[in-house]
Amino acid sequence: MGAVETTTLQDWISRFGAAIAEKREWLTELDSAIGDADHGANMARGMTAVSEKLGAGAPTGIDDLLKTVGMTLVSSVGGASGPLYGTFFLRMGMSAGAVTSLDGPALAAALRAGLEGIVARGKPEARDKTMFDAMAPAVDALDETLASGASVVEGARAAADAAAAGRDATLPLVARKGRASYLGERSAGHLDPGAASTAILFATLADAIAGAS
């Protein structure tokens, strides 16, 4: 597979929304331990709004698709996750531009732009116990896999594996950002819900790309 089409990214968004709905209670349980107990509900509400918005009219290109997703999440999701995920998709769309397909490097650049948007908004660093701990390794893994000459399918799977490992690595960490940081040492021993939903984001991306190949 040489390029990722708009339809593949639409499938990604659809798969992500379905997976968030399926994992809603789990994400809420994670958040109830160290946050406001609303991450699952907030993300499910946001992705339902995204589905409704995209169902009302087909996007004209990748930038239109991703910017629509981003703006919908910002306007419909409460807490920190709406602005962060919204910024991620908005920055991805800005990087992609008005095109209908992305090759591996362009996809990697768009995902990195999304990551940089999250960094600009939330100022996370490695081991803060946030979504950054899953997303940064995923984006790095995609870059490294593509640089080795692997396909975008292989790169996306490597990114998904890295995101899952990053999620799991948040378990022993003491939170240094967000609501969880108020708990201090008591935040250790719990997975970060944002890292958990980020792992779902990259798993569904890998599945969508593999399904289109």
C-alpha atoms as a PDB file:
ATOM      1  CA  MET A   1       0.000   0.000   0.000  1.00  0.00           C
ATOM      2  CA  GLY A   2       1.621   3.197  -1.182  1.00  0.00           C
ATOM      3  CA  ALA A   3      -0.800   5.847   0.055  1.00  0.00           C
ATOM      4  CA  VAL A   4      -3.542   6.393   2.599  1.00  0.00           C
ATOM      5  CA  GLU A   5      -6.729   7.675   0.983  1.00  0.00           C
ATOM      6  CA  THR A   6      -9.408   9.953   2.432  1.00  0.00           C
ATOM      7  CA  THR A   7     -11.754   6.961   2.630  1.00  0.00           C
ATOM      8  CA  THR A   8      -9.205   5.066   4.734  1.00  0.00           C
ATOM      9  CA  LEU A   9      -8.973   7.932   7.188  1.00  0.00           C
ATOM     10  CA  GLN A  10     -12.776   8.113   7.292  1.00  0.00           C
ATOM     11  CA  ASP A  11     -12.747   4.414   8.159  1.00  0.00           C
ATOM     12  CA  TRP A  12     -10.189   5.179  10.883  1.00  0.00           C
ATOM     13  CA  ILE A  13     -12.456   7.773  12.446  1.00  0.00           C
ATOM     14  CA  SER A  14     -15.384   5.363  12.264  1.00  0.00           C
ATOM     15  CA  ARG A  15     -13.367   2.544  13.844  1.00  0.00           C
ATOM     16  CA  PHE A  16     -12.081   4.866  16.558  1.00  0.00           C
ATOM     17  CA  GLY A  17     -15.602   5.992  17.407  1.00  0.00           C
ATOM     18  CA  ALA A  18     -16.854   2.404  17.582  1.00  0.00           C
ATOM     19  CA  ALA A  19     -13.919   1.337  19.763  1.00  0.00           C
ATOM     20  CA  ILE A  20     -14.414   4.278  22.113  1.00  0.00           C
ATOM     21  CA  ALA A  21     -18.092   3.337  22.467  1.00  0.00           C
ATOM     22  CA  GLU A  22     -17.109  -0.256  23.204  1.00  0.00           C
ATOM     23  CA  LYS A  23     -14.455   0.767  25.747  1.00  0.00           C
ATOM     24  CA  ARG A  24     -16.449   3.632  27.263  1.00  0.00           C
ATOM     25  CA  GLU A  25     -16.966   2.008  30.659  1.00  0.00           C
ATOM     26  CA  TRP A  26     -13.349   0.859  30.880  1.00  0.00           C
ATOM     27  CA  LEU A  27     -12.072   4.350  30.112  1.00  0.00           C
ATOM     28  CA  THR A  28     -14.429   5.759  32.725  1.00  0.00           C
ATOM     29  CA  GLU A  29     -13.185   3.240  35.293  1.00  0.00           C
ATOM     30  CA  LEU A  30      -9.610   4.283  34.598  1.00  0.00           C
ATOM     31  CA  ASP A  31     -10.558   7.928  34.969  1.00  0.00           C
ATOM     32  CA  SER A  32     -12.545   7.319  38.138  1.00  0.00           C
ATOM     33  CA  ALA A  33      -9.364   6.136  39.842  1.00  0.00           C
ATOM     34  CA  ILE A  34      -7.274   9.225  39.114  1.00  0.00           C
ATOM     35  CA  GLY A  35      -9.511  11.819  37.425  1.00  0.00           C
ATOM     36  CA  ASP A  36     -13.067  13.055  37.037  1.00  0.00           C
ATOM     37  CA  ALA A  37     -14.588   9.708  35.947  1.00  0.00           C
ATOM     38  CA  ASP A  38     -15.760  11.267  32.672  1.00  0.00           C
ATOM     39  CA  HIS A  39     -13.143  10.413  30.022  1.00  0.00           C
ATOM     40  CA  GLY A  40     -15.120   7.525  28.556  1.00  0.00           C
ATOM     41  CA  ALA A  41     -18.395   9.430  28.512  1.00  0.00           C
ATOM     42  CA  ASN A  42     -16.794  12.576  27.118  1.00  0.00           C
ATOM     43  CA  MET A  43     -14.962  10.772  24.328  1.00  0.00           C
ATOM     44  CA  ALA A  44     -18.016   8.695  23.423  1.00  0.00           C
ATOM     45  CA  ARG A  45     -20.157  11.827  23.229  1.00  0.00           C
ATOM     46  CA  GLY A  46     -17.566  13.566  21.087  1.00  0.00           C
ATOM     47  CA  MET A  47     -17.174  10.688  18.645  1.00  0.00           C
ATOM     48  CA  THR A  48     -20.949  10.362  18.338  1.00  0.00           C
ATOM     49  CA  ALA A  49     -21.061  14.037  17.396  1.00  0.00           C
ATOM     50  CA  VAL A  50     -18.259  13.452  14.888  1.00  0.00           C
ATOM     51  CA  SER A  51     -20.171  10.569  13.312  1.00  0.00           C
ATOM     52  CA  GLU A  52     -23.291  12.705  12.993  1.00  0.00           C
ATOM     53  CA  LYS A  53     -21.339  15.601  11.511  1.00  0.00           C
ATOM     54  CA  LEU A  54     -19.567  13.457   8.934  1.00  0.00           C
ATOM     55  CA  GLY A  55     -22.819  11.676   8.122  1.00  0.00           C
ATOM     56  CA  ALA A  56     -24.362  15.001   7.156  1.00  0.00           C
ATOM     57  CA  GLY A  57     -21.896  15.547   4.318  1.00  0.00           C
ATOM     58  CA  ALA A  58     -18.861  13.865   2.805  1.00  0.00           C
ATOM     59  CA  PRO A  59     -15.548  15.704   3.298  1.00  0.00           C
ATOM     60  CA  THR A  60     -13.912  17.071   0.178  1.00  0.00           C
ATOM     61  CA  GLY A  61     -10.391  16.071   1.186  1.00  0.00           C
ATOM     62  CA  ILE A  62      -8.197  14.969   4.047  1.00  0.00           C
ATOM     63  CA  ASP A  63      -7.814  18.440   5.526  1.00  0.00           C
ATOM     64  CA  ASP A  64     -11.581  18.925   5.468  1.00  0.00           C
ATOM     65  CA  LEU A  65     -12.125  15.544   7.136  1.00  0.00           C
ATOM     66  CA  LEU A  66      -9.597  16.036   9.918  1.00  0.00           C
ATOM     67  CA  LYS A  67     -10.486  19.660  10.594  1.00  0.00           C
ATOM     68  CA  THR A  68     -14.165  18.717  10.842  1.00  0.00           C
ATOM     69  CA  VAL A  69     -13.290  16.011  13.356  1.00  0.00           C
ATOM     70  CA  GLY A  70     -11.127  18.407  15.336  1.00  0.00           C
ATOM     71  CA  MET A  71     -13.633  21.244  15.469  1.00  0.00           C
ATOM     72  CA  THR A  72     -16.439  18.886  16.424  1.00  0.00           C
ATOM     73  CA  LEU A  73     -14.432  17.435  19.305  1.00  0.00           C
ATOM     74  CA  VAL A  74     -13.475  20.875  20.597  1.00  0.00           C
ATOM     75  CA  SER A  75     -17.115  21.971  20.607  1.00  0.00           C
ATOM     76  CA  SER A  76     -18.684  18.783  21.994  1.00  0.00           C
ATOM     77  CA  VAL A  77     -16.239  17.236  24.476  1.00  0.00           C
ATOM     78  CA  GLY A  78     -15.781  18.536  27.992  1.00  0.00           C
ATOM     79  CA  GLY A  79     -12.707  18.378  30.181  1.00  0.00           C
ATOM     80  CA  ALA A  80      -9.191  18.363  28.811  1.00  0.00           C
ATOM     81  CA  SER A  81      -9.734  15.651  26.212  1.00  0.00           C
ATOM     82  CA  GLY A  82     -11.850  17.777  23.850  1.00  0.00           C
ATOM     83  CA  PRO A  83      -9.317  20.562  23.350  1.00  0.00           C
ATOM     84  CA  LEU A  84      -6.401  18.113  23.208  1.00  0.00           C
ATOM     85  CA  TYR A  85      -7.895  15.638  20.751  1.00  0.00           C
ATOM     86  CA  GLY A  86      -9.455  18.499  18.825  1.00  0.00           C
ATOM     87  CA  THR A  87      -6.095  20.211  18.487  1.00  0.00           C
ATOM     88  CA  PHE A  88      -4.528  16.922  17.413  1.00  0.00           C
ATOM     89  CA  PHE A  89      -6.916  16.487  14.492  1.00  0.00           C
ATOM     90  CA  LEU A  90      -6.896  20.170  13.533  1.00  0.00           C
ATOM     91  CA  ARG A  91      -3.101  20.201  13.335  1.00  0.00           C
ATOM     92  CA  MET A  92      -3.146  16.925  11.373  1.00  0.00           C
ATOM     93  CA  GLY A  93      -5.500  18.509   8.861  1.00  0.00           C
ATOM     94  CA  MET A  94      -3.376  21.624   8.536  1.00  0.00           C
ATOM     95  CA  SER A  95      -0.300  19.494   7.869  1.00  0.00           C
ATOM     96  CA  ALA A  96      -2.043  17.236   5.350  1.00  0.00           C
ATOM     97  CA  GLY A  97      -3.496  20.027   3.254  1.00  0.00           C
ATOM     98  CA  ALA A  98      -6.161  19.850   0.552  1.00  0.00           C
ATOM     99  CA  VAL A  99      -5.260  16.402  -0.775  1.00  0.00           C
ATOM    100  CA  THR A 100      -7.091  13.088  -1.100  1.00  0.00           C
ATOM    101  CA  SER A 101      -4.190  10.785  -0.224  1.00  0.00           C
ATOM    102  CA  LEU A 102      -1.065  10.760   1.929  1.00  0.00           C
ATOM    103  CA  ASP A 103       2.050   8.695   1.413  1.00  0.00           C
ATOM    104  CA  GLY A 104       3.824   7.270   4.453  1.00  0.00           C
ATOM    105  CA  PRO A 105       6.047  10.288   5.159  1.00  0.00           C
ATOM    106  CA  ALA A 106       3.134  12.723   4.730  1.00  0.00           C
ATOM    107  CA  LEU A 107       1.000  10.677   7.121  1.00  0.00           C
ATOM    108  CA  ALA A 108       3.856  10.595   9.619  1.00  0.00           C
ATOM    109  CA  ALA A 109       4.314  14.364   9.275  1.00  0.00           C
ATOM    110  CA  ALA A 110       0.597  14.948   9.880  1.00  0.00           C
ATOM    111  CA  LEU A 111       0.598  12.765  12.999  1.00  0.00           C
ATOM    112  CA  ARG A 112       3.683  14.543  14.308  1.00  0.00           C
ATOM    113  CA  ALA A 113       2.000  17.893  13.694  1.00  0.00           C
ATOM    114  CA  GLY A 114      -0.910  16.616  15.776  1.00  0.00           C
ATOM    115  CA  LEU A 115       1.447  15.593  18.550  1.00  0.00           C
ATOM    116  CA  GLU A 116       3.151  18.984  18.437  1.00  0.00           C
ATOM    117  CA  GLY A 117      -0.251  20.648  18.752  1.00  0.00           C
ATOM    118  CA  ILE A 118      -0.922  18.698  21.932  1.00  0.00           C
ATOM    119  CA  VAL A 119       2.496  19.682  23.288  1.00  0.00           C
ATOM    120  CA  ALA A 120       1.841  23.343  22.490  1.00  0.00           C
ATOM    121  CA  ARG A 121      -1.532  23.261  24.239  1.00  0.00           C
ATOM    122  CA  GLY A 122      -0.853  21.055  27.265  1.00  0.00           C
ATOM    123  CA  LYS A 123       2.937  21.240  27.689  1.00  0.00           C
ATOM    124  CA  PRO A 124       3.255  17.507  28.478  1.00  0.00           C
ATOM    125  CA  GLU A 125       6.594  15.756  28.772  1.00  0.00           C
ATOM    126  CA  ALA A 126       7.592  12.106  28.843  1.00  0.00           C
ATOM    127  CA  ARG A 127       6.595  10.295  32.042  1.00  0.00           C
ATOM    128  CA  ASP A 128       4.070  12.942  33.082  1.00  0.00           C
ATOM    129  CA  LYS A 129       1.432  10.154  32.902  1.00  0.00           C
ATOM    130  CA  THR A 130      -0.616  11.650  30.065  1.00  0.00           C
ATOM    131  CA  MET A 131      -1.649  10.793  26.516  1.00  0.00           C
ATOM    132  CA  PHE A 132       1.800  12.049  25.450  1.00  0.00           C
ATOM    133  CA  ASP A 133       3.344   8.881  26.930  1.00  0.00           C
ATOM    134  CA  ALA A 134       1.455   6.805  24.349  1.00  0.00           C
ATOM    135  CA  MET A 135       1.413   9.237  21.441  1.00  0.00           C
ATOM    136  CA  ALA A 136       5.062  10.310  21.301  1.00  0.00           C
ATOM    137  CA  PRO A 137       6.413   6.723  21.121  1.00  0.00           C
ATOM    138  CA  ALA A 138       3.814   5.903  18.464  1.00  0.00           C
ATOM    139  CA  VAL A 139       4.784   8.818  16.235  1.00  0.00           C
ATOM    140  CA  ASP A 140       8.480   8.041  16.726  1.00  0.00           C
ATOM    141  CA  ALA A 141       7.907   4.370  15.877  1.00  0.00           C
ATOM    142  CA  LEU A 142       6.124   5.287  12.662  1.00  0.00           C
ATOM    143  CA  ASP A 143       8.998   7.548  11.608  1.00  0.00           C
ATOM    144  CA  GLU A 144      11.612   4.923  12.434  1.00  0.00           C
ATOM    145  CA  THR A 145       9.769   2.084  10.707  1.00  0.00           C
ATOM    146  CA  LEU A 146       9.196   4.067   7.535  1.00  0.00           C
ATOM    147  CA  ALA A 147      12.838   5.204   7.539  1.00  0.00           C
ATOM    148  CA  SER A 148      13.890   1.550   7.528  1.00  0.00           C
ATOM    149  CA  GLY A 149      12.069   1.044   4.236  1.00  0.00           C
ATOM    150  CA  ALA A 150       8.982  -0.651   5.657  1.00  0.00           C
ATOM    151  CA  SER A 151       5.489  -0.100   4.272  1.00  0.00           C
ATOM    152  CA  VAL A 152       2.941   2.272   5.757  1.00  0.00           C
ATOM    153  CA  VAL A 153       0.976  -0.796   6.902  1.00  0.00           C
ATOM    154  CA  GLU A 154       3.995  -2.002   8.867  1.00  0.00           C
ATOM    155  CA  GLY A 155       4.676   1.497  10.141  1.00  0.00           C
ATOM    156  CA  ALA A 156       1.132   1.944  11.404  1.00  0.00           C
ATOM    157  CA  ARG A 157       1.258  -1.399  13.196  1.00  0.00           C
ATOM    158  CA  ALA A 158       4.576  -0.460  14.813  1.00  0.00           C
ATOM    159  CA  ALA A 159       3.014   2.828  15.925  1.00  0.00           C
ATOM    160  CA  ALA A 160       0.056   0.970  17.441  1.00  0.00           C
ATOM    161  CA  ASP A 161       2.360  -1.401  19.300  1.00  0.00           C
ATOM    162  CA  ALA A 162       4.404   1.524  20.621  1.00  0.00           C
ATOM    163  CA  ALA A 163       1.264   3.342  21.764  1.00  0.00           C
ATOM    164  CA  ALA A 164       0.096   0.245  23.652  1.00  0.00           C
ATOM    165  CA  ALA A 165       3.497  -0.104  25.302  1.00  0.00           C
ATOM    166  CA  GLY A 166       3.438   3.594  26.205  1.00  0.00           C
ATOM    167  CA  ARG A 167      -0.026   3.205  27.718  1.00  0.00           C
ATOM    168  CA  ASP A 168       1.125   0.271  29.838  1.00  0.00           C
ATOM    169  CA  ALA A 169       4.220   2.182  30.927  1.00  0.00           C
ATOM    170  CA  THR A 170       2.005   4.811  32.609  1.00  0.00           C
ATOM    171  CA  LEU A 171       0.879   2.248  35.220  1.00  0.00           C
ATOM    172  CA  PRO A 172       3.702   2.840  37.771  1.00  0.00           C
ATOM    173  CA  LEU A 173       4.122   6.548  37.060  1.00  0.00           C
ATOM    174  CA  VAL A 174       3.203   9.348  39.449  1.00  0.00           C
ATOM    175  CA  ALA A 175       1.137  11.897  37.545  1.00  0.00           C
ATOM    176  CA  ARG A 176       2.656  15.325  37.022  1.00  0.00           C
ATOM    177  CA  LYS A 177      -0.125  16.895  34.922  1.00  0.00           C
ATOM    178  CA  GLY A 178      -3.865  17.359  35.173  1.00  0.00           C
ATOM    179  CA  ARG A 179      -6.339  16.223  37.786  1.00  0.00           C
ATOM    180  CA  ALA A 180      -4.363  13.040  38.483  1.00  0.00           C
ATOM    181  CA  SER A 181      -1.383  15.086  39.680  1.00  0.00           C
ATOM    182  CA  TYR A 182      -3.436  16.198  42.714  1.00  0.00           C
ATOM    183  CA  LEU A 183      -3.252  12.625  44.007  1.00  0.00           C
ATOM    184  CA  GLY A 184       0.534  12.594  44.158  1.00  0.00           C
ATOM    185  CA  GLU A 185       1.908   9.123  44.909  1.00  0.00           C
ATOM    186  CA  ARG A 186      -1.611   7.667  44.942  1.00  0.00           C
ATOM    187  CA  SER A 187      -1.790   8.122  41.177  1.00  0.00           C
ATOM    188  CA  ALA A 188       0.779   5.340  40.754  1.00  0.00           C
ATOM    189  CA  GLY A 189      -0.620   1.902  40.000  1.00  0.00           C
ATOM    190  CA  HIS A 190      -3.270   3.139  37.572  1.00  0.00           C
ATOM    191  CA  LEU A 191      -3.212   3.398  33.781  1.00  0.00           C
ATOM    192  CA  ASP A 192      -3.653   6.909  32.432  1.00  0.00           C
ATOM    193  CA  PRO A 193      -7.034   7.118  30.651  1.00  0.00           C
ATOM    194  CA  GLY A 194      -5.731   9.552  28.031  1.00  0.00           C
ATOM    195  CA  ALA A 195      -2.898   7.186  27.176  1.00  0.00           C
ATOM    196  CA  ALA A 196      -5.451   4.376  26.999  1.00  0.00           C
ATOM    197  CA  SER A 197      -7.652   6.211  24.490  1.00  0.00           C
ATOM    198  CA  THR A 198      -4.548   7.206  22.522  1.00  0.00           C
ATOM    199  CA  ALA A 199      -3.589   3.548  22.208  1.00  0.00           C
ATOM    200  CA  ILE A 200      -7.074   2.921  20.800  1.00  0.00           C
ATOM    201  CA  LEU A 201      -6.526   5.788  18.354  1.00  0.00           C
ATOM    202  CA  PHE A 202      -3.397   4.201  16.912  1.00  0.00           C
ATOM    203  CA  ALA A 203      -4.742   0.643  17.006  1.00  0.00           C
ATOM    204  CA  THR A 204      -7.736   1.668  14.908  1.00  0.00           C
ATOM    205  CA  LEU A 205      -5.498   3.611  12.509  1.00  0.00           C
ATOM    206  CA  ALA A 206      -3.398   0.496  11.960  1.00  0.00           C
ATOM    207  CA  ASP A 207      -6.530  -1.599  11.437  1.00  0.00           C
ATOM    208  CA  ALA A 208      -7.981   0.867   8.925  1.00  0.00           C
ATOM    209  CA  ILE A 209      -4.756   1.037   6.919  1.00  0.00           C
ATOM    210  CA  ALA A 210      -4.361  -2.740   6.965  1.00  0.00           C
ATOM    211  CA  GLY A 211      -7.980  -3.146   5.890  1.00  0.00           C
ATOM    212  CA  ALA A 212      -7.433  -0.893   2.874  1.00  0.00           C
ATOM    213  CA  SER A 213      -4.259  -2.619   1.714  1.00  0.00           C
END
